[in-house]
Amino acid sequence: PPARRPGASGAMAEDILAMVATMVDDELGQLSERHKLDKKLTDALSVQMKTRTCTFEEDMKLLQELLAGATKPDEVVRTVIRQMEAGSFGQAEAPKPGRSRSRSPGRGGARRQNLSG
C-alpha cells in the first residue's frame, strides 16, 4: 500500500467538508431561485444549514414543504433560521395527551401476565 502523508486524513476531511458545503449552496441556490428569496437571507440560511449536515435532507424536505404554499417565502425562511438558531427546527410536535407511545405498564403489562399464567 502507498505510504500515507502526515495529515492526509485531515486534508481528506477538509475536502469532504468543502464538498458538502458546495452541495448545500447548490441546493439552496435552486431553492432561492424557485422562491425568489433575498440573497442575504439565502446566505444566512446557508450558514445554518452547514451546521446541520446530519439532518440536511430532512431539513430541506421540511423547508420545501413549508415554502410550497407560502405567500411570503422570505418570512418563512426567517422563521426557519430563528428556529435553527434556537435548535427547535424539524423537531416533531409534542405528542398529544392520551396518545403516549411509551412502554409504561398498562395494556401491554396486562397482556404479558395473561400469557405467562
PDB file of N, CA and C in Angstrom:
ATOM      1  N   PRO A   1       0.829  -1.200   0.000  1.00  0.00           N
ATOM      2  CA  PRO A   1       0.000   0.000   0.000  1.00  0.00           C
ATOM      3  C   PRO A   1       0.864   1.250   0.000  1.00  0.00           C
ATOM      4  N   PRO A   2       0.375   2.321  -0.617  1.00  0.00           N
ATOM      5  CA  PRO A   2       1.172   3.552  -0.670  1.00  0.00           C
ATOM      6  C   PRO A   2       1.312   4.146   0.733  1.00  0.00           C
ATOM      7  N   ALA A   3       2.441   4.786   0.947  1.00  0.00           N
ATOM      8  CA  ALA A   3       2.691   5.427   2.238  1.00  0.00           C
ATOM      9  C   ALA A   3       1.742   6.605   2.404  1.00  0.00           C
ATOM     10  N   ARG A   4       1.255   6.779   3.633  1.00  0.00           N
ATOM     11  CA  ARG A   4       0.326   7.894   3.912  1.00  0.00           C
ATOM     12  C   ARG A   4       1.124   9.131   4.263  1.00  0.00           C
ATOM     13  N   ARG A   5       0.672  10.248   3.722  1.00  0.00           N
ATOM     14  CA  ARG A   5       1.291  11.515   4.089  1.00  0.00           C
ATOM     15  C   ARG A   5       0.799  11.896   5.472  1.00  0.00           C
ATOM     16  N   PRO A   6       1.657  12.513   6.270  1.00  0.00           N
ATOM     17  CA  PRO A   6       1.166  13.004   7.564  1.00  0.00           C
ATOM     18  C   PRO A   6       0.062  14.028   7.321  1.00  0.00           C
ATOM     19  N   GLY A   7      -1.023  13.901   8.057  1.00  0.00           N
ATOM     20  CA  GLY A   7      -2.115  14.859   7.915  1.00  0.00           C
ATOM     21  C   GLY A   7      -3.021  14.596   6.727  1.00  0.00           C
ATOM     22  N   ALA A   8      -2.838  13.476   6.041  1.00  0.00           N
ATOM     23  CA  ALA A   8      -3.652  13.192   4.855  1.00  0.00           C
ATOM     24  C   ALA A   8      -5.121  13.054   5.215  1.00  0.00           C
ATOM     25  N   SER A   9      -5.412  12.437   6.366  1.00  0.00           N
ATOM     26  CA  SER A   9      -6.811  12.274   6.736  1.00  0.00           C
ATOM     27  C   SER A   9      -7.447  13.624   7.051  1.00  0.00           C
ATOM     28  N   GLY A  10      -6.683  14.540   7.600  1.00  0.00           N
ATOM     29  CA  GLY A  10      -7.195  15.894   7.858  1.00  0.00           C
ATOM     30  C   GLY A  10      -7.523  16.600   6.560  1.00  0.00           C
ATOM     31  N   ALA A  11      -6.659  16.443   5.567  1.00  0.00           N
ATOM     32  CA  ALA A  11      -6.906  17.065   4.268  1.00  0.00           C
ATOM     33  C   ALA A  11      -8.132  16.446   3.612  1.00  0.00           C
ATOM     34  N   MET A  12      -8.300  15.133   3.768  1.00  0.00           N
ATOM     35  CA  MET A  12      -9.462  14.465   3.186  1.00  0.00           C
ATOM     36  C   MET A  12     -10.741  14.969   3.855  1.00  0.00           C
ATOM     37  N   ALA A  13     -10.693  15.132   5.159  1.00  0.00           N
ATOM     38  CA  ALA A  13     -11.867  15.643   5.885  1.00  0.00           C
ATOM     39  C   ALA A  13     -12.218  17.049   5.402  1.00  0.00           C
ATOM     40  N   GLU A  14     -11.205  17.864   5.184  1.00  0.00           N
ATOM     41  CA  GLU A  14     -11.450  19.222   4.678  1.00  0.00           C
ATOM     42  C   GLU A  14     -12.075  19.183   3.296  1.00  0.00           C
ATOM     43  N   ASP A  15     -11.601  18.263   2.448  1.00  0.00           N
ATOM     44  CA  ASP A  15     -12.170  18.112   1.104  1.00  0.00           C
ATOM     45  C   ASP A  15     -13.635  17.705   1.176  1.00  0.00           C
ATOM     46  N   ILE A  16     -13.943  16.786   2.080  1.00  0.00           N
ATOM     47  CA  ILE A  16     -15.325  16.326   2.231  1.00  0.00           C
ATOM     48  C   ILE A  16     -16.205  17.464   2.718  1.00  0.00           C
ATOM     49  N   LEU A  17     -15.727  18.216   3.701  1.00  0.00           N
ATOM     50  CA  LEU A  17     -16.499  19.353   4.206  1.00  0.00           C
ATOM     51  C   LEU A  17     -16.735  20.397   3.117  1.00  0.00           C
ATOM     52  N   ALA A  18     -15.720  20.628   2.301  1.00  0.00           N
ATOM     53  CA  ALA A  18     -15.875  21.589   1.202  1.00  0.00           C
ATOM     54  C   ALA A  18     -16.899  21.089   0.197  1.00  0.00           C
ATOM     55  N   MET A  19     -16.901  19.785  -0.060  1.00  0.00           N
ATOM     56  CA  MET A  19     -17.859  19.203  -0.999  1.00  0.00           C
ATOM     57  C   MET A  19     -19.289  19.329  -0.442  1.00  0.00           C
ATOM     58  N   VAL A  20     -19.440  19.054   0.845  1.00  0.00           N
ATOM     59  CA  VAL A  20     -20.754  19.177   1.482  1.00  0.00           C
ATOM     60  C   VAL A  20     -21.222  20.631   1.429  1.00  0.00           C
ATOM     61  N   ALA A  21     -20.330  21.567   1.715  1.00  0.00           N
ATOM     62  CA  ALA A  21     -20.688  22.986   1.675  1.00  0.00           C
ATOM     63  C   ALA A  21     -21.139  23.395   0.279  1.00  0.00           C
ATOM     64  N   THR A  22     -20.481  22.871  -0.741  1.00  0.00           N
ATOM     65  CA  THR A  22     -20.858  23.169  -2.128  1.00  0.00           C
ATOM     66  C   THR A  22     -22.243  22.605  -2.426  1.00  0.00           C
ATOM     67  N   MET A  23     -22.517  21.387  -1.947  1.00  0.00           N
ATOM     68  CA  MET A  23     -23.835  20.784  -2.164  1.00  0.00           C
ATOM     69  C   MET A  23     -24.925  21.614  -1.493  1.00  0.00           C
ATOM     70  N   VAL A  24     -24.665  22.060  -0.264  1.00  0.00           N
ATOM     71  CA  VAL A  24     -25.633  22.883   0.463  1.00  0.00           C
ATOM     72  C   VAL A  24     -25.917  24.150  -0.335  1.00  0.00           C
ATOM     73  N   ASP A  25     -24.845  24.814  -0.780  1.00  0.00           N
ATOM     74  CA  ASP A  25     -25.019  26.059  -1.546  1.00  0.00           C
ATOM     75  C   ASP A  25     -25.787  25.825  -2.843  1.00  0.00           C
ATOM     76  N   ASP A  26     -25.511  24.720  -3.529  1.00  0.00           N
ATOM     77  CA  ASP A  26     -26.220  24.409  -4.779  1.00  0.00           C
ATOM     78  C   ASP A  26     -27.715  24.214  -4.526  1.00  0.00           C
ATOM     79  N   GLU A  27     -28.033  23.395  -3.515  1.00  0.00           N
ATOM     80  CA  GLU A  27     -29.446  23.133  -3.189  1.00  0.00           C
ATOM     81  C   GLU A  27     -30.162  24.420  -2.804  1.00  0.00           C
ATOM     82  N   LEU A  28     -29.509  25.223  -1.962  1.00  0.00           N
ATOM     83  CA  LEU A  28     -30.142  26.463  -1.513  1.00  0.00           C
ATOM     84  C   LEU A  28     -30.238  27.480  -2.645  1.00  0.00           C
ATOM     85  N   GLY A  29     -29.288  27.451  -3.571  1.00  0.00           N
ATOM     86  CA  GLY A  29     -29.359  28.328  -4.731  1.00  0.00           C
ATOM     87  C   GLY A  29     -30.597  28.032  -5.568  1.00  0.00           C
ATOM     88  N   GLN A  30     -30.869  26.743  -5.766  1.00  0.00           N
ATOM     89  CA  GLN A  30     -32.065  26.344  -6.518  1.00  0.00           C
ATOM     90  C   GLN A  30     -33.336  26.742  -5.771  1.00  0.00           C
ATOM     91  N   LEU A  31     -33.329  26.524  -4.466  1.00  0.00           N
ATOM     92  CA  LEU A  31     -34.479  26.878  -3.638  1.00  0.00           C
ATOM     93  C   LEU A  31     -34.716  28.389  -3.677  1.00  0.00           C
ATOM     94  N   SER A  32     -33.626  29.128  -3.610  1.00  0.00           N
ATOM     95  CA  SER A  32     -33.697  30.592  -3.629  1.00  0.00           C
ATOM     96  C   SER A  32     -34.277  31.106  -4.950  1.00  0.00           C
ATOM     97  N   GLU A  33     -33.838  30.528  -6.045  1.00  0.00           N
ATOM     98  CA  GLU A  33     -34.366  30.929  -7.355  1.00  0.00           C
ATOM     99  C   GLU A  33     -35.844  30.590  -7.482  1.00  0.00           C
ATOM    100  N   ARG A  34     -36.202  29.384  -7.062  1.00  0.00           N
ATOM    101  CA  ARG A  34     -37.584  28.919  -7.177  1.00  0.00           C
ATOM    102  C   ARG A  34     -38.547  29.813  -6.391  1.00  0.00           C
ATOM    103  N   HIS A  35     -38.094  30.271  -5.208  1.00  0.00           N
ATOM    104  CA  HIS A  35     -38.984  31.058  -4.339  1.00  0.00           C
ATOM    105  C   HIS A  35     -38.612  32.538  -4.270  1.00  0.00           C
ATOM    106  N   LYS A  36     -37.663  32.940  -5.143  1.00  0.00           N
ATOM    107  CA  LYS A  36     -37.246  34.337  -5.240  1.00  0.00           C
ATOM    108  C   LYS A  36     -36.863  34.912  -3.870  1.00  0.00           C
ATOM    109  N   LEU A  37     -35.972  34.185  -3.190  1.00  0.00           N
ATOM    110  CA  LEU A  37     -35.530  34.594  -1.858  1.00  0.00           C
ATOM    111  C   LEU A  37     -34.426  35.643  -1.948  1.00  0.00           C
ATOM    112  N   ASP A  38     -34.391  36.492  -0.961  1.00  0.00           N
ATOM    113  CA  ASP A  38     -33.364  37.525  -0.841  1.00  0.00           C
ATOM    114  C   ASP A  38     -31.986  36.870  -0.670  1.00  0.00           C
ATOM    115  N   LYS A  39     -30.956  37.431  -1.297  1.00  0.00           N
ATOM    116  CA  LYS A  39     -29.600  36.862  -1.253  1.00  0.00           C
ATOM    117  C   LYS A  39     -29.067  36.791   0.180  1.00  0.00           C
ATOM    118  N   LYS A  40     -29.249  37.859   0.956  1.00  0.00           N
ATOM    119  CA  LYS A  40     -28.750  37.847   2.341  1.00  0.00           C
ATOM    120  C   LYS A  40     -29.442  36.758   3.159  1.00  0.00           C
ATOM    121  N   LEU A  41     -30.717  36.593   2.904  1.00  0.00           N
ATOM    122  CA  LEU A  41     -31.493  35.570   3.611  1.00  0.00           C
ATOM    123  C   LEU A  41     -31.001  34.172   3.226  1.00  0.00           C
ATOM    124  N   THR A  42     -30.751  33.968   1.953  1.00  0.00           N
ATOM    125  CA  THR A  42     -30.233  32.681   1.476  1.00  0.00           C
ATOM    126  C   THR A  42     -28.869  32.399   2.093  1.00  0.00           C
ATOM    127  N   ASP A  43     -28.029  33.427   2.184  1.00  0.00           N
ATOM    128  CA  ASP A  43     -26.709  33.264   2.801  1.00  0.00           C
ATOM    129  C   ASP A  43     -26.836  32.892   4.282  1.00  0.00           C
ATOM    130  N   ALA A  44     -27.757  33.552   4.992  1.00  0.00           N
ATOM    131  CA  ALA A  44     -27.968  33.256   6.410  1.00  0.00           C
ATOM    132  C   ALA A  44     -28.481  31.832   6.590  1.00  0.00           C
ATOM    133  N   LEU A  45     -29.370  31.409   5.696  1.00  0.00           N
ATOM    134  CA  LEU A  45     -29.886  30.043   5.743  1.00  0.00           C
ATOM    135  C   LEU A  45     -28.753  29.049   5.474  1.00  0.00           C
ATOM    136  N   SER A  46     -27.900  29.382   4.543  1.00  0.00           N
ATOM    137  CA  SER A  46     -26.766  28.522   4.204  1.00  0.00           C
ATOM    138  C   SER A  46     -25.858  28.317   5.421  1.00  0.00           C
ATOM    139  N   VAL A  47     -25.593  29.370   6.159  1.00  0.00           N
ATOM    140  CA  VAL A  47     -24.752  29.268   7.359  1.00  0.00           C
ATOM    141  C   VAL A  47     -25.367  28.273   8.337  1.00  0.00           C
ATOM    142  N   GLN A  48     -26.678  28.383   8.540  1.00  0.00           N
ATOM    143  CA  GLN A  48     -27.357  27.472   9.465  1.00  0.00           C
ATOM    144  C   GLN A  48     -27.353  26.034   8.939  1.00  0.00           C
ATOM    145  N   MET A  49     -27.663  25.864   7.661  1.00  0.00           N
ATOM    146  CA  MET A  49     -27.752  24.521   7.088  1.00  0.00           C
ATOM    147  C   MET A  49     -26.392  23.808   7.149  1.00  0.00           C
ATOM    148  N   LYS A  50     -25.322  24.546   7.032  1.00  0.00           N
ATOM    149  CA  LYS A  50     -23.991  23.935   7.068  1.00  0.00           C
ATOM    150  C   LYS A  50     -23.627  23.443   8.458  1.00  0.00           C
ATOM    151  N   THR A  51     -24.335  23.913   9.471  1.00  0.00           N
ATOM    152  CA  THR A  51     -24.085  23.411  10.822  1.00  0.00           C
ATOM    153  C   THR A  51     -24.969  22.196  11.104  1.00  0.00           C
ATOM    154  N   ARG A  52     -25.847  21.854  10.153  1.00  0.00           N
ATOM    155  CA  ARG A  52     -26.832  20.783  10.357  1.00  0.00           C
ATOM    156  C   ARG A  52     -26.706  19.717   9.274  1.00  0.00           C
ATOM    157  N   THR A  53     -25.483  19.366   8.919  1.00  0.00           N
ATOM    158  CA  THR A  53     -25.297  18.437   7.804  1.00  0.00           C
ATOM    159  C   THR A  53     -25.901  17.061   8.080  1.00  0.00           C
ATOM    160  N   CYS A  54     -26.006  16.675   9.347  1.00  0.00           N
ATOM    161  CA  CYS A  54     -26.577  15.353   9.673  1.00  0.00           C
ATOM    162  C   CYS A  54     -28.069  15.287   9.375  1.00  0.00           C
ATOM    163  N   THR A  55     -28.737  16.435   9.391  1.00  0.00           N
ATOM    164  CA  THR A  55     -30.186  16.451   9.144  1.00  0.00           C
ATOM    165  C   THR A  55     -30.522  17.219   7.863  1.00  0.00           C
ATOM    166  N   PHE A  56     -29.523  17.411   6.998  1.00  0.00           N
ATOM    167  CA  PHE A  56     -29.707  18.256   5.822  1.00  0.00           C
ATOM    168  C   PHE A  56     -30.878  17.820   4.952  1.00  0.00           C
ATOM    169  N   GLU A  57     -30.964  16.533   4.632  1.00  0.00           N
ATOM    170  CA  GLU A  57     -32.033  16.071   3.732  1.00  0.00           C
ATOM    171  C   GLU A  57     -33.411  16.299   4.345  1.00  0.00           C
ATOM    172  N   GLU A  58     -33.548  15.956   5.625  1.00  0.00           N
ATOM    173  CA  GLU A  58     -34.831  16.160   6.308  1.00  0.00           C
ATOM    174  C   GLU A  58     -35.158  17.651   6.385  1.00  0.00           C
ATOM    175  N   ASP A  59     -34.135  18.462   6.679  1.00  0.00           N
ATOM    176  CA  ASP A  59     -34.338  19.911   6.766  1.00  0.00           C
ATOM    177  C   ASP A  59     -34.801  20.483   5.430  1.00  0.00           C
ATOM    178  N   MET A  60     -34.174  20.036   4.343  1.00  0.00           N
ATOM    179  CA  MET A  60     -34.557  20.537   3.016  1.00  0.00           C
ATOM    180  C   MET A  60     -35.981  20.126   2.673  1.00  0.00           C
ATOM    181  N   LYS A  61     -36.324  18.895   2.991  1.00  0.00           N
ATOM    182  CA  LYS A  61     -37.670  18.408   2.695  1.00  0.00           C
ATOM    183  C   LYS A  61     -38.711  19.242   3.445  1.00  0.00           C
ATOM    184  N   LEU A  62     -38.475  19.461   4.732  1.00  0.00           N
ATOM    185  CA  LEU A  62     -39.401  20.255   5.536  1.00  0.00           C
ATOM    186  C   LEU A  62     -39.454  21.699   5.046  1.00  0.00           C
ATOM    187  N   LEU A  63     -38.313  22.256   4.726  1.00  0.00           N
ATOM    188  CA  LEU A  63     -38.256  23.625   4.214  1.00  0.00           C
ATOM    189  C   LEU A  63     -39.046  23.753   2.911  1.00  0.00           C
ATOM    190  N   GLN A  64     -38.886  22.790   2.015  1.00  0.00           N
ATOM    191  CA  GLN A  64     -39.628  22.815   0.755  1.00  0.00           C
ATOM    192  C   GLN A  64     -41.126  22.699   0.993  1.00  0.00           C
ATOM    193  N   GLU A  65     -41.522  21.865   1.966  1.00  0.00           N
ATOM    194  CA  GLU A  65     -42.951  21.739   2.292  1.00  0.00           C
ATOM    195  C   GLU A  65     -43.495  23.064   2.824  1.00  0.00           C
ATOM    196  N   LEU A  66     -42.715  23.705   3.690  1.00  0.00           N
ATOM    197  CA  LEU A  66     -43.158  24.977   4.268  1.00  0.00           C
ATOM    198  C   LEU A  66     -43.273  26.071   3.203  1.00  0.00           C
ATOM    199  N   LEU A  67     -42.351  26.043   2.252  1.00  0.00           N
ATOM    200  CA  LEU A  67     -42.343  27.073   1.210  1.00  0.00           C
ATOM    201  C   LEU A  67     -43.364  26.812   0.101  1.00  0.00           C
ATOM    202  N   ALA A  68     -43.791  25.572  -0.044  1.00  0.00           N
ATOM    203  CA  ALA A  68     -44.677  25.198  -1.151  1.00  0.00           C
ATOM    204  C   ALA A  68     -45.926  26.071  -1.230  1.00  0.00           C
ATOM    205  N   GLY A  69     -46.565  26.316  -0.112  1.00  0.00           N
ATOM    206  CA  GLY A  69     -47.792  27.107  -0.156  1.00  0.00           C
ATOM    207  C   GLY A  69     -47.632  28.499   0.435  1.00  0.00           C
ATOM    208  N   ALA A  70     -46.393  28.917   0.629  1.00  0.00           N
ATOM    209  CA  ALA A  70     -46.147  30.191   1.305  1.00  0.00           C
ATOM    210  C   ALA A  70     -46.428  31.390   0.406  1.00  0.00           C
ATOM    211  N   THR A  71     -47.141  32.381   0.956  1.00  0.00           N
ATOM    212  CA  THR A  71     -47.359  33.624   0.214  1.00  0.00           C
ATOM    213  C   THR A  71     -46.211  34.599   0.472  1.00  0.00           C
ATOM    214  N   LYS A  72     -45.492  34.402   1.590  1.00  0.00           N
ATOM    215  CA  LYS A  72     -44.333  35.242   1.919  1.00  0.00           C
ATOM    216  C   LYS A  72     -43.145  34.337   2.250  1.00  0.00           C
ATOM    217  N   PRO A  73     -42.489  33.793   1.214  1.00  0.00           N
ATOM    218  CA  PRO A  73     -41.397  32.840   1.455  1.00  0.00           C
ATOM    219  C   PRO A  73     -40.256  33.409   2.296  1.00  0.00           C
ATOM    220  N   ASP A  74     -39.952  34.703   2.145  1.00  0.00           N
ATOM    221  CA  ASP A  74     -38.873  35.299   2.952  1.00  0.00           C
ATOM    222  C   ASP A  74     -39.188  35.189   4.440  1.00  0.00           C
ATOM    223  N   GLU A  75     -40.450  35.400   4.807  1.00  0.00           N
ATOM    224  CA  GLU A  75     -40.843  35.303   6.213  1.00  0.00           C
ATOM    225  C   GLU A  75     -40.719  33.864   6.713  1.00  0.00           C
ATOM    226  N   VAL A  76     -41.081  32.913   5.871  1.00  0.00           N
ATOM    227  CA  VAL A  76     -40.946  31.503   6.238  1.00  0.00           C
ATOM    228  C   VAL A  76     -39.482  31.194   6.527  1.00  0.00           C
ATOM    229  N   VAL A  77     -38.586  31.648   5.654  1.00  0.00           N
ATOM    230  CA  VAL A  77     -37.160  31.369   5.825  1.00  0.00           C
ATOM    231  C   VAL A  77     -36.617  32.070   7.072  1.00  0.00           C
ATOM    232  N   ARG A  78     -37.046  33.293   7.331  1.00  0.00           N
ATOM    233  CA  ARG A  78     -36.607  33.983   8.554  1.00  0.00           C
ATOM    234  C   ARG A  78     -37.005  33.180   9.799  1.00  0.00           C
ATOM    235  N   THR A  79     -38.231  32.675   9.796  1.00  0.00           N
ATOM    236  CA  THR A  79     -38.708  31.870  10.920  1.00  0.00           C
ATOM    237  C   THR A  79     -37.886  30.591  11.056  1.00  0.00           C
ATOM    238  N   VAL A  80     -37.609  29.943   9.930  1.00  0.00           N
ATOM    239  CA  VAL A  80     -36.823  28.709   9.931  1.00  0.00           C
ATOM    240  C   VAL A  80     -35.424  28.983  10.495  1.00  0.00           C
ATOM    241  N   ILE A  81     -34.803  30.080  10.076  1.00  0.00           N
ATOM    242  CA  ILE A  81     -33.464  30.427  10.571  1.00  0.00           C
ATOM    243  C   ILE A  81     -33.501  30.624  12.086  1.00  0.00           C
ATOM    244  N   ARG A  82     -34.515  31.343  12.574  1.00  0.00           N
ATOM    245  CA  ARG A  82     -34.633  31.547  14.029  1.00  0.00           C
ATOM    246  C   ARG A  82     -34.805  30.215  14.752  1.00  0.00           C
ATOM    247  N   GLN A  83     -35.611  29.321  14.178  1.00  0.00           N
ATOM    248  CA  GLN A  83     -35.812  28.009  14.794  1.00  0.00           C
ATOM    249  C   GLN A  83     -34.512  27.199  14.790  1.00  0.00           C
ATOM    250  N   MET A  84     -33.754  27.291  13.706  1.00  0.00           N
ATOM    251  CA  MET A  84     -32.479  26.572  13.647  1.00  0.00           C
ATOM    252  C   MET A  84     -31.520  27.115  14.700  1.00  0.00           C
ATOM    253  N   GLU A  85     -31.470  28.431  14.836  1.00  0.00           N
ATOM    254  CA  GLU A  85     -30.598  29.037  15.841  1.00  0.00           C
ATOM    255  C   GLU A  85     -30.993  28.596  17.243  1.00  0.00           C
ATOM    256  N   ALA A  86     -32.283  28.425  17.468  1.00  0.00           N
ATOM    257  CA  ALA A  86     -32.789  28.009  18.779  1.00  0.00           C
ATOM    258  C   ALA A  86     -32.723  26.495  18.970  1.00  0.00           C
ATOM    259  N   GLY A  87     -32.428  25.772  17.894  1.00  0.00           N
ATOM    260  CA  GLY A  87     -32.350  24.319  17.982  1.00  0.00           C
ATOM    261  C   GLY A  87     -33.695  23.628  17.955  1.00  0.00           C
ATOM    262  N   SER A  88     -34.713  24.318  17.482  1.00  0.00           N
ATOM    263  CA  SER A  88     -36.056  23.727  17.504  1.00  0.00           C
ATOM    264  C   SER A  88     -36.595  23.381  16.121  1.00  0.00           C
ATOM    265  N   PHE A  89     -35.870  23.680  15.053  1.00  0.00           N
ATOM    266  CA  PHE A  89     -36.377  23.392  13.715  1.00  0.00           C
ATOM    267  C   PHE A  89     -36.340  21.895  13.444  1.00  0.00           C
ATOM    268  N   GLY A  90     -37.451  21.387  12.903  1.00  0.00           N
ATOM    269  CA  GLY A  90     -37.501  19.992  12.488  1.00  0.00           C
ATOM    270  C   GLY A  90     -37.831  19.028  13.597  1.00  0.00           C
ATOM    271  N   GLN A  91     -38.019  19.529  14.795  1.00  0.00           N
ATOM    272  CA  GLN A  91     -38.385  18.634  15.885  1.00  0.00           C
ATOM    273  C   GLN A  91     -39.873  18.356  15.804  1.00  0.00           C
ATOM    274  N   ALA A  92     -40.229  17.116  16.031  1.00  0.00           N
ATOM    275  CA  ALA A  92     -41.639  16.729  15.969  1.00  0.00           C
ATOM    276  C   ALA A  92     -42.408  17.445  17.064  1.00  0.00           C
ATOM    277  N   GLU A  93     -43.667  17.688  16.777  1.00  0.00           N
ATOM    278  CA  GLU A  93     -44.522  18.307  17.791  1.00  0.00           C
ATOM    279  C   GLU A  93     -44.627  17.372  18.982  1.00  0.00           C
ATOM    280  N   ALA A  94     -44.891  17.956  20.132  1.00  0.00           N
ATOM    281  CA  ALA A  94     -45.060  17.143  21.333  1.00  0.00           C
ATOM    282  C   ALA A  94     -46.246  16.208  21.125  1.00  0.00           C
ATOM    283  N   PRO A  95     -46.145  14.992  21.626  1.00  0.00           N
ATOM    284  CA  PRO A  95     -47.271  14.062  21.456  1.00  0.00           C
ATOM    285  C   PRO A  95     -48.527  14.597  22.132  1.00  0.00           C
ATOM    286  N   LYS A  96     -49.659  14.284  21.544  1.00  0.00           N
ATOM    287  CA  LYS A  96     -50.931  14.739  22.103  1.00  0.00           C
ATOM    288  C   LYS A  96     -51.212  13.972  23.387  1.00  0.00           C
ATOM    289  N   PRO A  97     -51.806  14.633  24.377  1.00  0.00           N
ATOM    290  CA  PRO A  97     -52.126  13.940  25.629  1.00  0.00           C
ATOM    291  C   PRO A  97     -52.993  12.712  25.361  1.00  0.00           C
ATOM    292  N   GLY A  98     -52.715  11.645  26.096  1.00  0.00           N
ATOM    293  CA  GLY A  98     -53.503  10.431  25.938  1.00  0.00           C
ATOM    294  C   GLY A  98     -53.037   9.543  24.795  1.00  0.00           C
ATOM    295  N   ARG A  99     -52.029   9.986  24.050  1.00  0.00           N
ATOM    296  CA  ARG A  99     -51.553   9.195  22.910  1.00  0.00           C
ATOM    297  C   ARG A  99     -50.089   8.814  23.087  1.00  0.00           C
ATOM    298  N   SER A 100     -49.685   8.600  24.322  1.00  0.00           N
ATOM    299  CA  SER A 100     -48.300   8.268  24.615  1.00  0.00           C
ATOM    300  C   SER A 100     -47.925   6.938  23.971  1.00  0.00           C
ATOM    301  N   ARG A 101     -46.703   6.871  23.474  1.00  0.00           N
ATOM    302  CA  ARG A 101     -46.237   5.620  22.883  1.00  0.00           C
ATOM    303  C   ARG A 101     -45.169   4.997  23.763  1.00  0.00           C
ATOM    304  N   SER A 102     -45.166   5.358  25.032  1.00  0.00           N
ATOM    305  CA  SER A 102     -44.163   4.819  25.936  1.00  0.00           C
ATOM    306  C   SER A 102     -44.452   3.354  26.226  1.00  0.00           C
ATOM    307  N   ARG A 103     -43.494   2.686  26.783  1.00  0.00           N
ATOM    308  CA  ARG A 103     -43.648   1.277  27.133  1.00  0.00           C
ATOM    309  C   ARG A 103     -43.982   1.123  28.614  1.00  0.00           C
ATOM    310  N   SER A 104     -44.666   2.097  29.169  1.00  0.00           N
ATOM    311  CA  SER A 104     -45.028   2.020  30.579  1.00  0.00           C
ATOM    312  C   SER A 104     -46.058   0.914  30.778  1.00  0.00           C
ATOM    313  N   PRO A 105     -46.088   0.358  31.987  1.00  0.00           N
ATOM    314  CA  PRO A 105     -47.070  -0.702  32.237  1.00  0.00           C
ATOM    315  C   PRO A 105     -48.475  -0.188  31.978  1.00  0.00           C
ATOM    316  N   GLY A 106     -49.240  -0.958  31.368  1.00  0.00           N
ATOM    317  CA  GLY A 106     -50.606  -0.603  31.004  1.00  0.00           C
ATOM    318  C   GLY A 106     -51.191  -1.814  30.334  1.00  0.00           C
ATOM    319  N   ARG A 107     -51.726  -1.600  29.177  1.00  0.00           N
ATOM    320  CA  ARG A 107     -52.319  -2.723  28.446  1.00  0.00           C
ATOM    321  C   ARG A 107     -51.288  -3.807  28.165  1.00  0.00           C
ATOM    322  N   GLY A 108     -50.078  -3.394  27.805  1.00  0.00           N
ATOM    323  CA  GLY A 108     -49.037  -4.378  27.488  1.00  0.00           C
ATOM    324  C   GLY A 108     -48.673  -5.227  28.685  1.00  0.00           C
ATOM    325  N   GLY A 109     -48.609  -4.620  29.886  1.00  0.00           N
ATOM    326  CA  GLY A 109     -48.272  -5.355  31.091  1.00  0.00           C
ATOM    327  C   GLY A 109     -49.325  -6.405  31.405  1.00  0.00           C
ATOM    328  N   ALA A 110     -50.585  -6.045  31.222  1.00  0.00           N
ATOM    329  CA  ALA A 110     -51.676  -6.987  31.484  1.00  0.00           C
ATOM    330  C   ALA A 110     -51.604  -8.154  30.505  1.00  0.00           C
ATOM    331  N   ARG A 111     -51.258  -7.878  29.272  1.00  0.00           N
ATOM    332  CA  ARG A 111     -51.177  -8.923  28.250  1.00  0.00           C
ATOM    333  C   ARG A 111     -50.088  -9.926  28.618  1.00  0.00           C
ATOM    334  N   ARG A 112     -48.938  -9.424  29.103  1.00  0.00           N
ATOM    335  CA  ARG A 112     -47.848 -10.315  29.478  1.00  0.00           C
ATOM    336  C   ARG A 112     -48.265 -11.230  30.626  1.00  0.00           C
ATOM    337  N   GLN A 113     -49.024 -10.701  31.575  1.00  0.00           N
ATOM    338  CA  GLN A 113     -49.483 -11.515  32.706  1.00  0.00           C
ATOM    339  C   GLN A 113     -50.378 -12.640  32.209  1.00  0.00           C
ATOM    340  N   ASN A 114     -51.249 -12.346  31.263  1.00  0.00           N
ATOM    341  CA  ASN A 114     -52.157 -13.373  30.751  1.00  0.00           C
ATOM    342  C   ASN A 114     -51.398 -14.485  30.028  1.00  0.00           C
ATOM    343  N   LEU A 115     -50.321 -14.099  29.316  1.00  0.00           N
ATOM    344  CA  LEU A 115     -49.563 -15.095  28.568  1.00  0.00           C
ATOM    345  C   LEU A 115     -48.791 -16.020  29.500  1.00  0.00           C
ATOM    346  N   SER A 116     -48.311 -15.476  30.615  1.00  0.00           N
ATOM    347  CA  SER A 116     -47.486 -16.291  31.500  1.00  0.00           C
ATOM    348  C   SER A 116     -48.332 -17.149  32.432  1.00  0.00           C
ATOM    349  N   GLY A 117     -49.634 -16.857  32.589  1.00  0.00           N
ATOM    350  CA  GLY A 117     -50.470 -17.552  33.556  1.00  0.00           C
ATOM    351  C   GLY A 117     -50.943 -18.828  33.033  1.00  0.00           C
TER     352      GLY A 117
END
